[in-house]
C-alpha atoms as a PDB file:
ATOM      1  CA  MET A   1      94.759  14.197  40.989  1.00  0.00           C
ATOM      2  CA  GLU A   2      92.233  16.742  39.810  1.00  0.00           C
ATOM      3  CA  ILE A   3      88.923  15.739  38.278  1.00  0.00           C
ATOM      4  CA  SER A   4      87.372  17.917  35.611  1.00  0.00           C
ATOM      5  CA  ILE A   5      84.169  16.012  34.695  1.00  0.00           C
ATOM      6  CA  ILE A   6      82.160  13.190  36.192  1.00  0.00           C
ATOM      7  CA  GLY A   7      79.346  11.858  34.043  1.00  0.00           C
ATOM      8  CA  LEU A   8      77.155   8.984  32.973  1.00  0.00           C
ATOM      9  CA  SER A   9      78.223   7.034  29.894  1.00  0.00           C
ATOM     10  CA  GLY A  10      75.635   4.439  28.915  1.00  0.00           C
ATOM     11  CA  HIS A  11      73.830   1.895  31.066  1.00  0.00           C
ATOM     12  CA  HIS A  12      75.360   1.903  34.597  1.00  0.00           C
ATOM     13  CA  ASN A  13      78.717   3.178  33.328  1.00  0.00           C
ATOM     14  CA  TYR A  14      80.288   6.293  34.757  1.00  0.00           C
ATOM     15  CA  TYR A  15      83.329   8.233  33.693  1.00  0.00           C
ATOM     16  CA  ILE A  16      85.811  10.606  35.229  1.00  0.00           C
ATOM     17  CA  ASP A  17      87.841  12.955  33.054  1.00  0.00           C
ATOM     18  CA  LEU A  18      91.082  13.939  34.746  1.00  0.00           C
ATOM     19  CA  THR A  19      92.594  17.357  34.145  1.00  0.00           C
ATOM     20  CA  SER A  20      95.719  15.566  32.897  1.00  0.00           C
ATOM     21  CA  GLY A  21      93.671  14.240  29.955  1.00  0.00           C
ATOM     22  CA  GLN A  22      92.934  10.626  30.901  1.00  0.00           C
ATOM     23  CA  ARG A  23      89.411   9.233  31.101  1.00  0.00           C
ATOM     24  CA  ILE A  24      88.437   6.429  33.477  1.00  0.00           C
ATOM     25  CA  ILE A  25      85.173   4.580  32.776  1.00  0.00           C
ATOM     26  CA  PHE A  26      83.781   2.157  35.331  1.00  0.00           C
ATOM     27  CA  GLY A  27      80.699   0.018  35.724  1.00  0.00           C
ATOM     28  CA  LEU A  28      78.807  -0.473  38.965  1.00  0.00           C
ATOM     29  CA  ASP A  29      76.062  -2.813  37.787  1.00  0.00           C
ATOM     30  CA  GLY A  30      76.785  -5.721  40.169  1.00  0.00           C
ATOM     31  CA  ASN A  31      77.579  -8.449  37.657  1.00  0.00           C
ATOM     32  CA  LYS A  32      77.503 -12.087  38.705  1.00  0.00           C
ATOM     33  CA  TYR A  33      81.177 -12.064  39.773  1.00  0.00           C
ATOM     34  CA  GLN A  34      80.821  -8.911  41.881  1.00  0.00           C
ATOM     35  CA  VAL A  35      83.766  -7.425  39.955  1.00  0.00           C
ATOM     36  CA  VAL A  36      84.029  -3.749  39.026  1.00  0.00           C
ATOM     37  CA  ALA A  37      85.222  -3.198  35.446  1.00  0.00           C
ATOM     38  CA  TYR A  38      87.307  -0.158  34.470  1.00  0.00           C
ATOM     39  CA  THR A  39      88.359   1.153  31.097  1.00  0.00           C
ATOM     40  CA  VAL A  40      91.207   3.661  31.007  1.00  0.00           C
ATOM     41  CA  ASP A  41      91.728   5.900  27.989  1.00  0.00           C
ATOM     42  CA  ILE A  42      95.275   7.106  28.561  1.00  0.00           C
ATOM     43  CA  ASN A  43      95.004  10.156  26.312  1.00  0.00           C
ATOM     44  CA  GLY A  44      91.318  10.998  26.798  1.00  0.00           C
ATOM     45  CA  ALA A  45      88.175  10.321  24.820  1.00  0.00           C
ATOM     46  CA  LYS A  46      88.619  13.274  22.479  1.00  0.00           C
ATOM     47  CA  LYS A  47      92.011  12.128  21.143  1.00  0.00           C
ATOM     48  CA  GLY A  48      92.470   9.078  18.942  1.00  0.00           C
ATOM     49  CA  PRO A  49      92.981   6.416  18.129  1.00  0.00           C
ATOM     50  CA  ASN A  50      90.633   5.168  20.919  1.00  0.00           C
ATOM     51  CA  LYS A  51      91.552   1.546  20.200  1.00  0.00           C
ATOM     52  CA  TRP A  52      92.081  -1.379  22.563  1.00  0.00           C
ATOM     53  CA  GLY A  53      95.754  -2.001  23.223  1.00  0.00           C
ATOM     54  CA  ARG A  54      96.798   1.408  21.905  1.00  0.00           C
ATOM     55  CA  ASP A  55      95.238   3.945  24.250  1.00  0.00           C
ATOM     56  CA  LEU A  56      92.315   1.976  25.762  1.00  0.00           C
ATOM     57  CA  PHE A  57      93.007  -0.589  28.469  1.00  0.00           C
ATOM     58  CA  ARG A  58      90.524  -2.685  30.463  1.00  0.00           C
ATOM     59  CA  MET A  59      91.021  -3.528  34.138  1.00  0.00           C
ATOM     60  CA  MET A  60      88.947  -5.302  36.757  1.00  0.00           C
ATOM     61  CA  PHE A  61      88.764  -5.011  40.518  1.00  0.00           C
ATOM     62  CA  SER A  62      87.812  -8.048  42.590  1.00  0.00           C
ATOM     63  CA  PRO A  63      86.696  -7.019  46.087  1.00  0.00           C
ATOM     64  CA  LYS A  64      86.666 -10.681  47.106  1.00  0.00           C
ATOM     65  CA  HIS A  65      90.373 -11.025  46.301  1.00  0.00           C
ATOM     66  CA  ASP A  66      91.264  -7.347  46.960  1.00  0.00           C
ATOM     67  CA  LYS A  67      92.959  -7.365  43.567  1.00  0.00           C
ATOM     68  CA  LEU A  68      93.120  -4.905  40.663  1.00  0.00           C
ATOM     69  CA  PHE A  69      94.136  -6.654  37.438  1.00  0.00           C
ATOM     70  CA  PHE A  70      94.072  -6.217  33.685  1.00  0.00           C
ATOM     71  CA  ASN A  71      91.337  -7.869  31.672  1.00  0.00           C
ATOM     72  CA  GLY A  72      92.676 -11.200  30.441  1.00  0.00           C
ATOM     73  CA  SER A  73      95.171 -11.748  33.275  1.00  0.00           C
ATOM     74  CA  TYR A  74      92.980 -14.373  34.947  1.00  0.00           C
ATOM     75  CA  THR A  75      90.342 -16.932  34.123  1.00  0.00           C
ATOM     76  CA  ILE A  76      87.317 -16.499  36.366  1.00  0.00           C
ATOM     77  CA  LEU A  77      86.144 -19.880  37.671  1.00  0.00           C
ATOM     78  CA  TYR A  78      82.691 -19.996  39.214  1.00  0.00           C
ATOM     79  CA  SER A  79      79.706 -22.184  39.953  1.00  0.00           C
ATOM     80  CA  ALA A  80      76.439 -21.165  38.266  1.00  0.00           C
ATOM     81  CA  SER A  81      74.629 -21.690  41.570  1.00  0.00           C
ATOM     82  CA  GLU A  82      77.085 -19.521  43.547  1.00  0.00           C
ATOM     83  CA  PRO A  83      78.751 -17.053  41.156  1.00  0.00           C
ATOM     84  CA  GLN A  84      79.851 -14.823  44.057  1.00  0.00           C
ATOM     85  CA  ASN A  85      82.200 -17.628  45.205  1.00  0.00           C
ATOM     86  CA  TYR A  86      84.438 -17.355  42.147  1.00  0.00           C
ATOM     87  CA  GLN A  87      88.162 -18.050  41.984  1.00  0.00           C
ATOM     88  CA  LEU A  88      90.853 -16.462  39.816  1.00  0.00           C
ATOM     89  CA  ARG A  89      93.369 -18.567  37.895  1.00  0.00           C
ATOM     90  CA  GLU A  90      96.327 -16.747  36.340  1.00  0.00           C
ATOM     91  CA  LYS A  91      96.690 -17.057  32.563  1.00  0.00           C
ATOM     92  CA  SER A  92      99.931 -17.847  30.757  1.00  0.00           C
ATOM     93  CA  ARG A  93     101.739 -15.308  28.578  1.00  0.00           C
ATOM     94  CA  ALA A  94     100.913 -17.419  25.506  1.00  0.00           C
ATOM     95  CA  ASP A  95      97.179 -17.200  26.285  1.00  0.00           C
ATOM     96  CA  ILE A  96      97.370 -13.468  26.883  1.00  0.00           C
ATOM     97  CA  LEU A  97      99.354 -12.884  23.671  1.00  0.00           C
ATOM     98  CA  GLN A  98      96.921 -14.970  21.622  1.00  0.00           C
ATOM     99  CA  ASN A  99      93.966 -12.951  22.875  1.00  0.00           C
ATOM    100  CA  CYS A 100      95.822  -9.653  22.522  1.00  0.00           C
ATOM    101  CA  ASN A 101      96.301 -10.609  18.862  1.00  0.00           C
ATOM    102  CA  SER A 102      92.532 -11.062  18.448  1.00  0.00           C
ATOM    103  CA  THR A 103      90.281  -8.459  16.919  1.00  0.00           C
ATOM    104  CA  SER A 104      89.170  -6.893  20.232  1.00  0.00           C
ATOM    105  CA  ARG A 105      92.672  -6.533  21.724  1.00  0.00           C
ATOM    106  CA  SER A 106      91.147  -5.777  25.115  1.00  0.00           C
ATOM    107  CA  TRP A 107      93.727  -8.079  26.754  1.00  0.00           C
ATOM    108  CA  CYS A 108      96.775  -6.113  25.593  1.00  0.00           C
ATOM    109  CA  GLY A 109      97.176  -4.248  28.884  1.00  0.00           C
ATOM    110  CA  ALA A 110      97.625  -7.640  30.557  1.00  0.00           C
ATOM    111  CA  LEU A 111     100.456  -8.424  28.119  1.00  0.00           C
ATOM    112  CA  ILE A 112     102.284  -5.162  28.868  1.00  0.00           C
ATOM    113  CA  PHE A 113     101.902  -5.810  32.607  1.00  0.00           C
ATOM    114  CA  PHE A 114     103.013  -9.467  32.253  1.00  0.00           C
ATOM    115  CA  ASP A 115     106.127  -8.298  30.373  1.00  0.00           C
ATOM    116  CA  GLY A 116     107.165  -5.987  33.218  1.00  0.00           C
ATOM    117  CA  TRP A 117     105.561  -2.810  31.817  1.00  0.00           C
ATOM    118  CA  LYS A 118     107.513  -3.181  28.567  1.00  0.00           C
ATOM    119  CA  ILE A 119     106.221  -3.450  25.029  1.00  0.00           C
ATOM    120  CA  ASP A 120     108.144  -6.387  23.579  1.00  0.00           C
ATOM    121  CA  ASN A 121     108.831  -7.004  19.884  1.00  0.00           C
ATOM    122  CA  ASP A 122     105.872  -9.400  19.560  1.00  0.00           C
ATOM    123  CA  TYR A 123     103.358  -6.805  20.771  1.00  0.00           C
ATOM    124  CA  PRO A 124     100.594  -6.633  18.111  1.00  0.00           C
ATOM    125  CA  TRP A 125     100.589  -2.980  17.056  1.00  0.00           C
END
């Protein structure tokens, strides 16, 4: 993997542009769950459509669980007094599909993963 650009993109967000064209954006702001959020633009920021579920996909990394997962794959359960002691509960396909059909579509990567890396007929293009 070759990196062409590393830069700052907004408040505590960083990006890496790969020479193959993809852009990876990640946040290191220490949110209450201690989870690192990533956004992957599979064809780069300069090419469209730059839309969730088409070429933008959101992932999370949980150091506590040593798990990389798509946004929407799990419900994060936590106590307000101890947010760092959160648990992950896997979501059903129906829940993921419903949220992938919403206006943000940021859960669509979870649907593709859940379906075995296939885009099924009910995928909301």
